[in-house]
């Protein structure tokens, strides 16, 4: 059976039948093409689009994480710099005796007649310890102001607290100043802290 023998009966059909058969043939070809070519391609495109959206969402999420990480690193760096700056103003254990001597010398240089200079036990806090020093002295107001000014210029933090002034029965015009000086000690892990004592 040849192609000519198959086509010959169709060629002898009336024109409407030929048109109908042609339409059917074209529909079969289009349907087959769609089924075998277009439909798999559409499925492939849909799959690729879904993967693209998933990857884009993942990239967006990773960009947000990266931005947050960069912000966290910047904040951590700023906190580390602040901690380093604070550490520079907080003495460590081995510097405490020298600080005692420095404060005692400032008192004498300012003209204070020191009656008592007594470092006390450190008071531990979370990351640091308060190191109080009891100071009793006879002094004029000018000398006391000079002493406080010199303390403020120290590179280490020394605060004045519990200041009490009382009159002295002497013609010099001096007063008795009872105060607590407080410095702060940076606590290293495992550090036992300074022992009270030092210059008097």
Protein backbone atom coordinates (compact mmCIF):
# COMPACT_ATOMS: atom_id res chain seq x y z
CA UNK A 1 0.00 0.00 0.00
CA UNK A 2 1.45 3.26 -1.17
CA UNK A 3 0.80 6.85 -0.12
CA UNK A 4 -0.94 7.43 -3.46
CA UNK A 5 -3.37 4.58 -2.84
CA UNK A 6 -4.23 6.14 0.58
CA UNK A 7 -4.66 9.67 -0.76
CA UNK A 8 -6.64 8.67 -3.89
CA UNK A 9 -9.95 7.89 -2.05
CA UNK A 10 -9.65 11.24 -0.26
CA UNK A 11 -9.06 13.08 -3.49
CA UNK A 12 -12.33 11.72 -4.90
CA UNK A 13 -14.34 12.97 -1.90
CA UNK A 14 -16.61 16.02 -2.21
CA UNK A 15 -15.12 19.38 -1.29
CA UNK A 16 -16.96 19.76 2.08
CA UNK A 17 -15.68 16.34 3.15
CA UNK A 18 -12.14 17.30 2.14
CA UNK A 19 -12.40 20.52 4.19
CA UNK A 20 -13.76 18.62 7.20
CA UNK A 21 -11.01 16.01 6.92
CA UNK A 22 -8.41 18.80 6.60
CA UNK A 23 -9.74 20.55 9.69
CA UNK A 24 -9.67 17.24 11.60
CA UNK A 25 -6.12 16.56 10.42
CA UNK A 26 -4.96 20.06 11.41
CA UNK A 27 -6.68 19.66 14.81
CA UNK A 28 -4.92 16.30 15.32
CA UNK A 29 -1.58 17.83 14.37
CA UNK A 30 -2.11 20.85 16.64
CA UNK A 31 -3.33 18.69 19.51
CA UNK A 32 -0.41 16.33 19.13
CA UNK A 33 2.02 19.21 18.91
CA UNK A 34 0.56 20.81 21.99
CA UNK A 35 0.55 17.52 23.91
CA UNK A 36 4.07 16.44 22.89
CA UNK A 37 5.82 19.82 22.59
CA UNK A 38 4.03 22.79 24.16
CA UNK A 39 2.61 21.13 27.29
CA UNK A 40 5.99 19.76 28.54
CA UNK A 41 7.58 23.12 27.74
CA UNK A 42 4.92 24.93 29.79
CA UNK A 43 5.46 22.56 32.68
CA UNK A 44 9.22 23.16 32.42
CA UNK A 45 8.68 26.95 32.36
CA UNK A 46 6.37 26.76 35.39
CA UNK A 47 8.96 24.67 37.23
CA UNK A 48 11.73 27.13 36.34
CA UNK A 49 9.60 30.07 37.45
CA UNK A 50 8.89 28.38 40.78
CA UNK A 51 12.60 27.69 41.29
CA UNK A 52 13.40 31.28 40.31
CA UNK A 53 10.92 32.65 42.86
CA UNK A 54 12.29 30.30 45.52
CA UNK A 55 15.88 31.35 44.78
CA UNK A 56 14.90 35.03 44.74
CA UNK A 57 13.19 34.65 48.14
CA UNK A 58 16.29 32.87 49.46
CA UNK A 59 18.55 35.64 48.12
CA UNK A 60 16.32 38.30 49.72
CA UNK A 61 16.41 36.43 53.02
CA UNK A 62 20.20 36.04 52.84
CA UNK A 63 20.59 39.75 52.01
CA UNK A 64 18.48 40.62 55.06
CA UNK A 65 20.60 38.28 57.22
CA UNK A 66 23.81 39.79 55.79
CA UNK A 67 22.54 43.32 56.48
CA UNK A 68 21.63 42.30 60.03
CA UNK A 69 25.01 40.64 60.50
CA UNK A 70 26.81 43.76 59.29
CA UNK A 71 24.77 45.87 61.73
CA UNK A 72 25.47 43.40 64.55
CA UNK A 73 29.21 43.48 63.78
CA UNK A 74 29.20 47.29 63.77
CA UNK A 75 27.37 47.34 67.13
CA UNK A 76 29.77 44.74 68.56
CA UNK A 77 32.75 46.81 67.38
CA UNK A 78 31.29 49.97 68.93
CA UNK A 79 30.67 48.16 72.22
CA UNK A 80 34.20 46.73 72.17
CA UNK A 81 35.62 50.22 71.61
CA UNK A 82 33.52 51.60 74.48
CA UNK A 83 34.68 48.74 76.71
CA UNK A 84 38.31 49.43 75.77
CA UNK A 85 37.81 53.14 76.55
CA UNK A 86 36.30 52.27 79.94
CA UNK A 87 39.08 49.80 80.67
CA UNK A 88 41.62 52.56 80.12
CA UNK A 89 39.96 54.56 82.90
CA UNK A 90 39.57 51.61 85.28
CA UNK A 91 42.72 50.40 87.00
CA UNK A 92 43.57 46.74 87.23
CA UNK A 93 44.69 45.10 90.48
CA UNK A 94 48.39 45.88 90.13
CA UNK A 95 47.70 49.60 89.50
CA UNK A 96 45.63 50.14 92.68
CA UNK A 97 48.57 50.72 95.10
CA UNK A 98 50.05 53.29 92.70
CA UNK A 99 46.63 54.99 92.46
CA UNK A 100 46.45 55.12 96.28
CA UNK A 101 49.84 56.84 96.36
CA UNK A 102 48.80 59.26 93.58
CA UNK A 103 45.60 60.29 95.38
CA UNK A 104 47.45 60.66 98.69
CA UNK A 105 50.12 62.82 97.00
CA UNK A 106 47.42 65.00 95.38
CA UNK A 107 45.88 65.56 98.82
CA UNK A 108 49.22 66.76 100.22
CA UNK A 109 49.99 68.88 97.13
CA UNK A 110 46.60 70.57 97.51
CA UNK A 111 47.43 71.48 101.13
CA UNK A 112 45.13 69.00 102.87
CA UNK A 113 46.21 68.06 106.38
CA UNK A 114 45.29 64.38 106.05
CA UNK A 115 44.21 62.78 109.33
CA UNK A 116 43.09 59.47 107.80
CA UNK A 117 43.61 57.84 104.41
CA UNK A 118 42.12 54.36 104.61
CA UNK A 119 41.41 52.15 101.56
CA UNK A 120 38.53 49.77 102.28
CA UNK A 121 37.45 46.40 100.98
CA UNK A 122 36.38 46.44 97.31
CA UNK A 123 32.65 46.14 96.72
CA UNK A 124 32.14 43.66 93.85
CA UNK A 125 29.63 44.46 91.10
CA UNK A 126 28.84 42.53 87.93
CA UNK A 127 31.78 43.58 85.72
CA UNK A 128 33.74 45.82 88.05
CA UNK A 129 34.39 46.50 91.71
CA UNK A 130 34.04 49.75 93.63
CA UNK A 131 37.14 50.53 95.67
CA UNK A 132 36.28 53.04 98.44
CA UNK A 133 38.87 55.12 100.29
CA UNK A 134 37.97 56.94 103.51
CA UNK A 135 39.68 60.32 103.80
CA UNK A 136 39.53 62.68 106.79
CA UNK A 137 41.42 65.96 106.57
CA UNK A 138 41.61 69.53 107.83
CA UNK A 139 41.43 71.88 104.90
CA UNK A 140 40.33 75.29 103.64
CA UNK A 141 37.60 75.56 101.02
CA UNK A 142 40.16 76.70 98.45
CA UNK A 143 42.44 73.71 99.18
CA UNK A 144 39.48 71.32 98.97
CA UNK A 145 38.48 72.78 95.58
CA UNK A 146 42.07 72.43 94.37
CA UNK A 147 42.10 68.77 95.48
CA UNK A 148 38.84 67.99 93.67
CA UNK A 149 40.15 69.71 90.53
CA UNK A 150 43.31 67.58 90.57
CA UNK A 151 41.26 64.42 91.08
CA UNK A 152 39.13 65.31 88.04
CA UNK A 153 42.25 65.55 85.88
CA UNK A 154 43.40 62.02 86.72
CA UNK A 155 43.21 59.57 83.81
CA UNK A 156 41.54 57.11 86.17
CA UNK A 157 38.01 57.59 87.48
CA UNK A 158 37.91 58.75 91.11
CA UNK A 159 34.55 59.98 92.39
CA UNK A 160 33.90 61.89 95.61
CA UNK A 161 31.01 60.75 97.78
CA UNK A 162 29.69 61.09 101.34
CA UNK A 163 31.32 64.52 101.76
CA UNK A 164 30.73 66.05 105.19
CA UNK A 165 32.18 69.37 106.30
CA UNK A 166 32.31 70.42 109.93
CA UNK A 167 33.77 73.45 111.70
CA UNK A 168 37.04 73.23 113.59
CA UNK A 169 37.68 75.37 116.70
CA UNK A 170 40.83 76.99 115.34
CA UNK A 171 41.55 80.51 114.13
CA UNK A 172 42.84 79.21 110.78
CA UNK A 173 39.36 79.11 109.23
CA UNK A 174 39.84 75.51 108.14
CA UNK A 175 37.14 72.86 108.24
CA UNK A 176 37.17 69.14 108.76
CA UNK A 177 36.33 67.25 105.59
CA UNK A 178 35.19 63.64 105.89
CA UNK A 179 34.71 62.00 102.52
CA UNK A 180 34.74 58.74 100.65
CA UNK A 181 36.69 58.57 97.41
CA UNK A 182 35.60 55.79 95.08
CA UNK A 183 37.59 54.37 92.21
CA UNK A 184 36.54 51.43 90.08
CA UNK A 185 38.42 48.25 89.38
CA UNK A 186 37.93 46.27 86.18
CA UNK A 187 37.34 42.68 87.24
CA UNK A 188 39.42 40.10 85.42
CA UNK A 189 37.96 36.59 85.68
CA UNK A 190 39.51 34.78 88.61
CA UNK A 191 41.05 37.94 90.03
CA UNK A 192 40.87 38.05 93.83
CA UNK A 193 40.84 41.86 93.86
CA UNK A 194 43.17 44.28 95.64
CA UNK A 195 43.83 44.12 99.34
CA UNK A 196 43.04 47.24 101.31
CA UNK A 197 46.06 49.23 102.31
CA UNK A 198 48.44 51.64 100.70
CA UNK A 199 49.60 55.15 101.36
CA UNK A 200 48.33 56.93 104.43
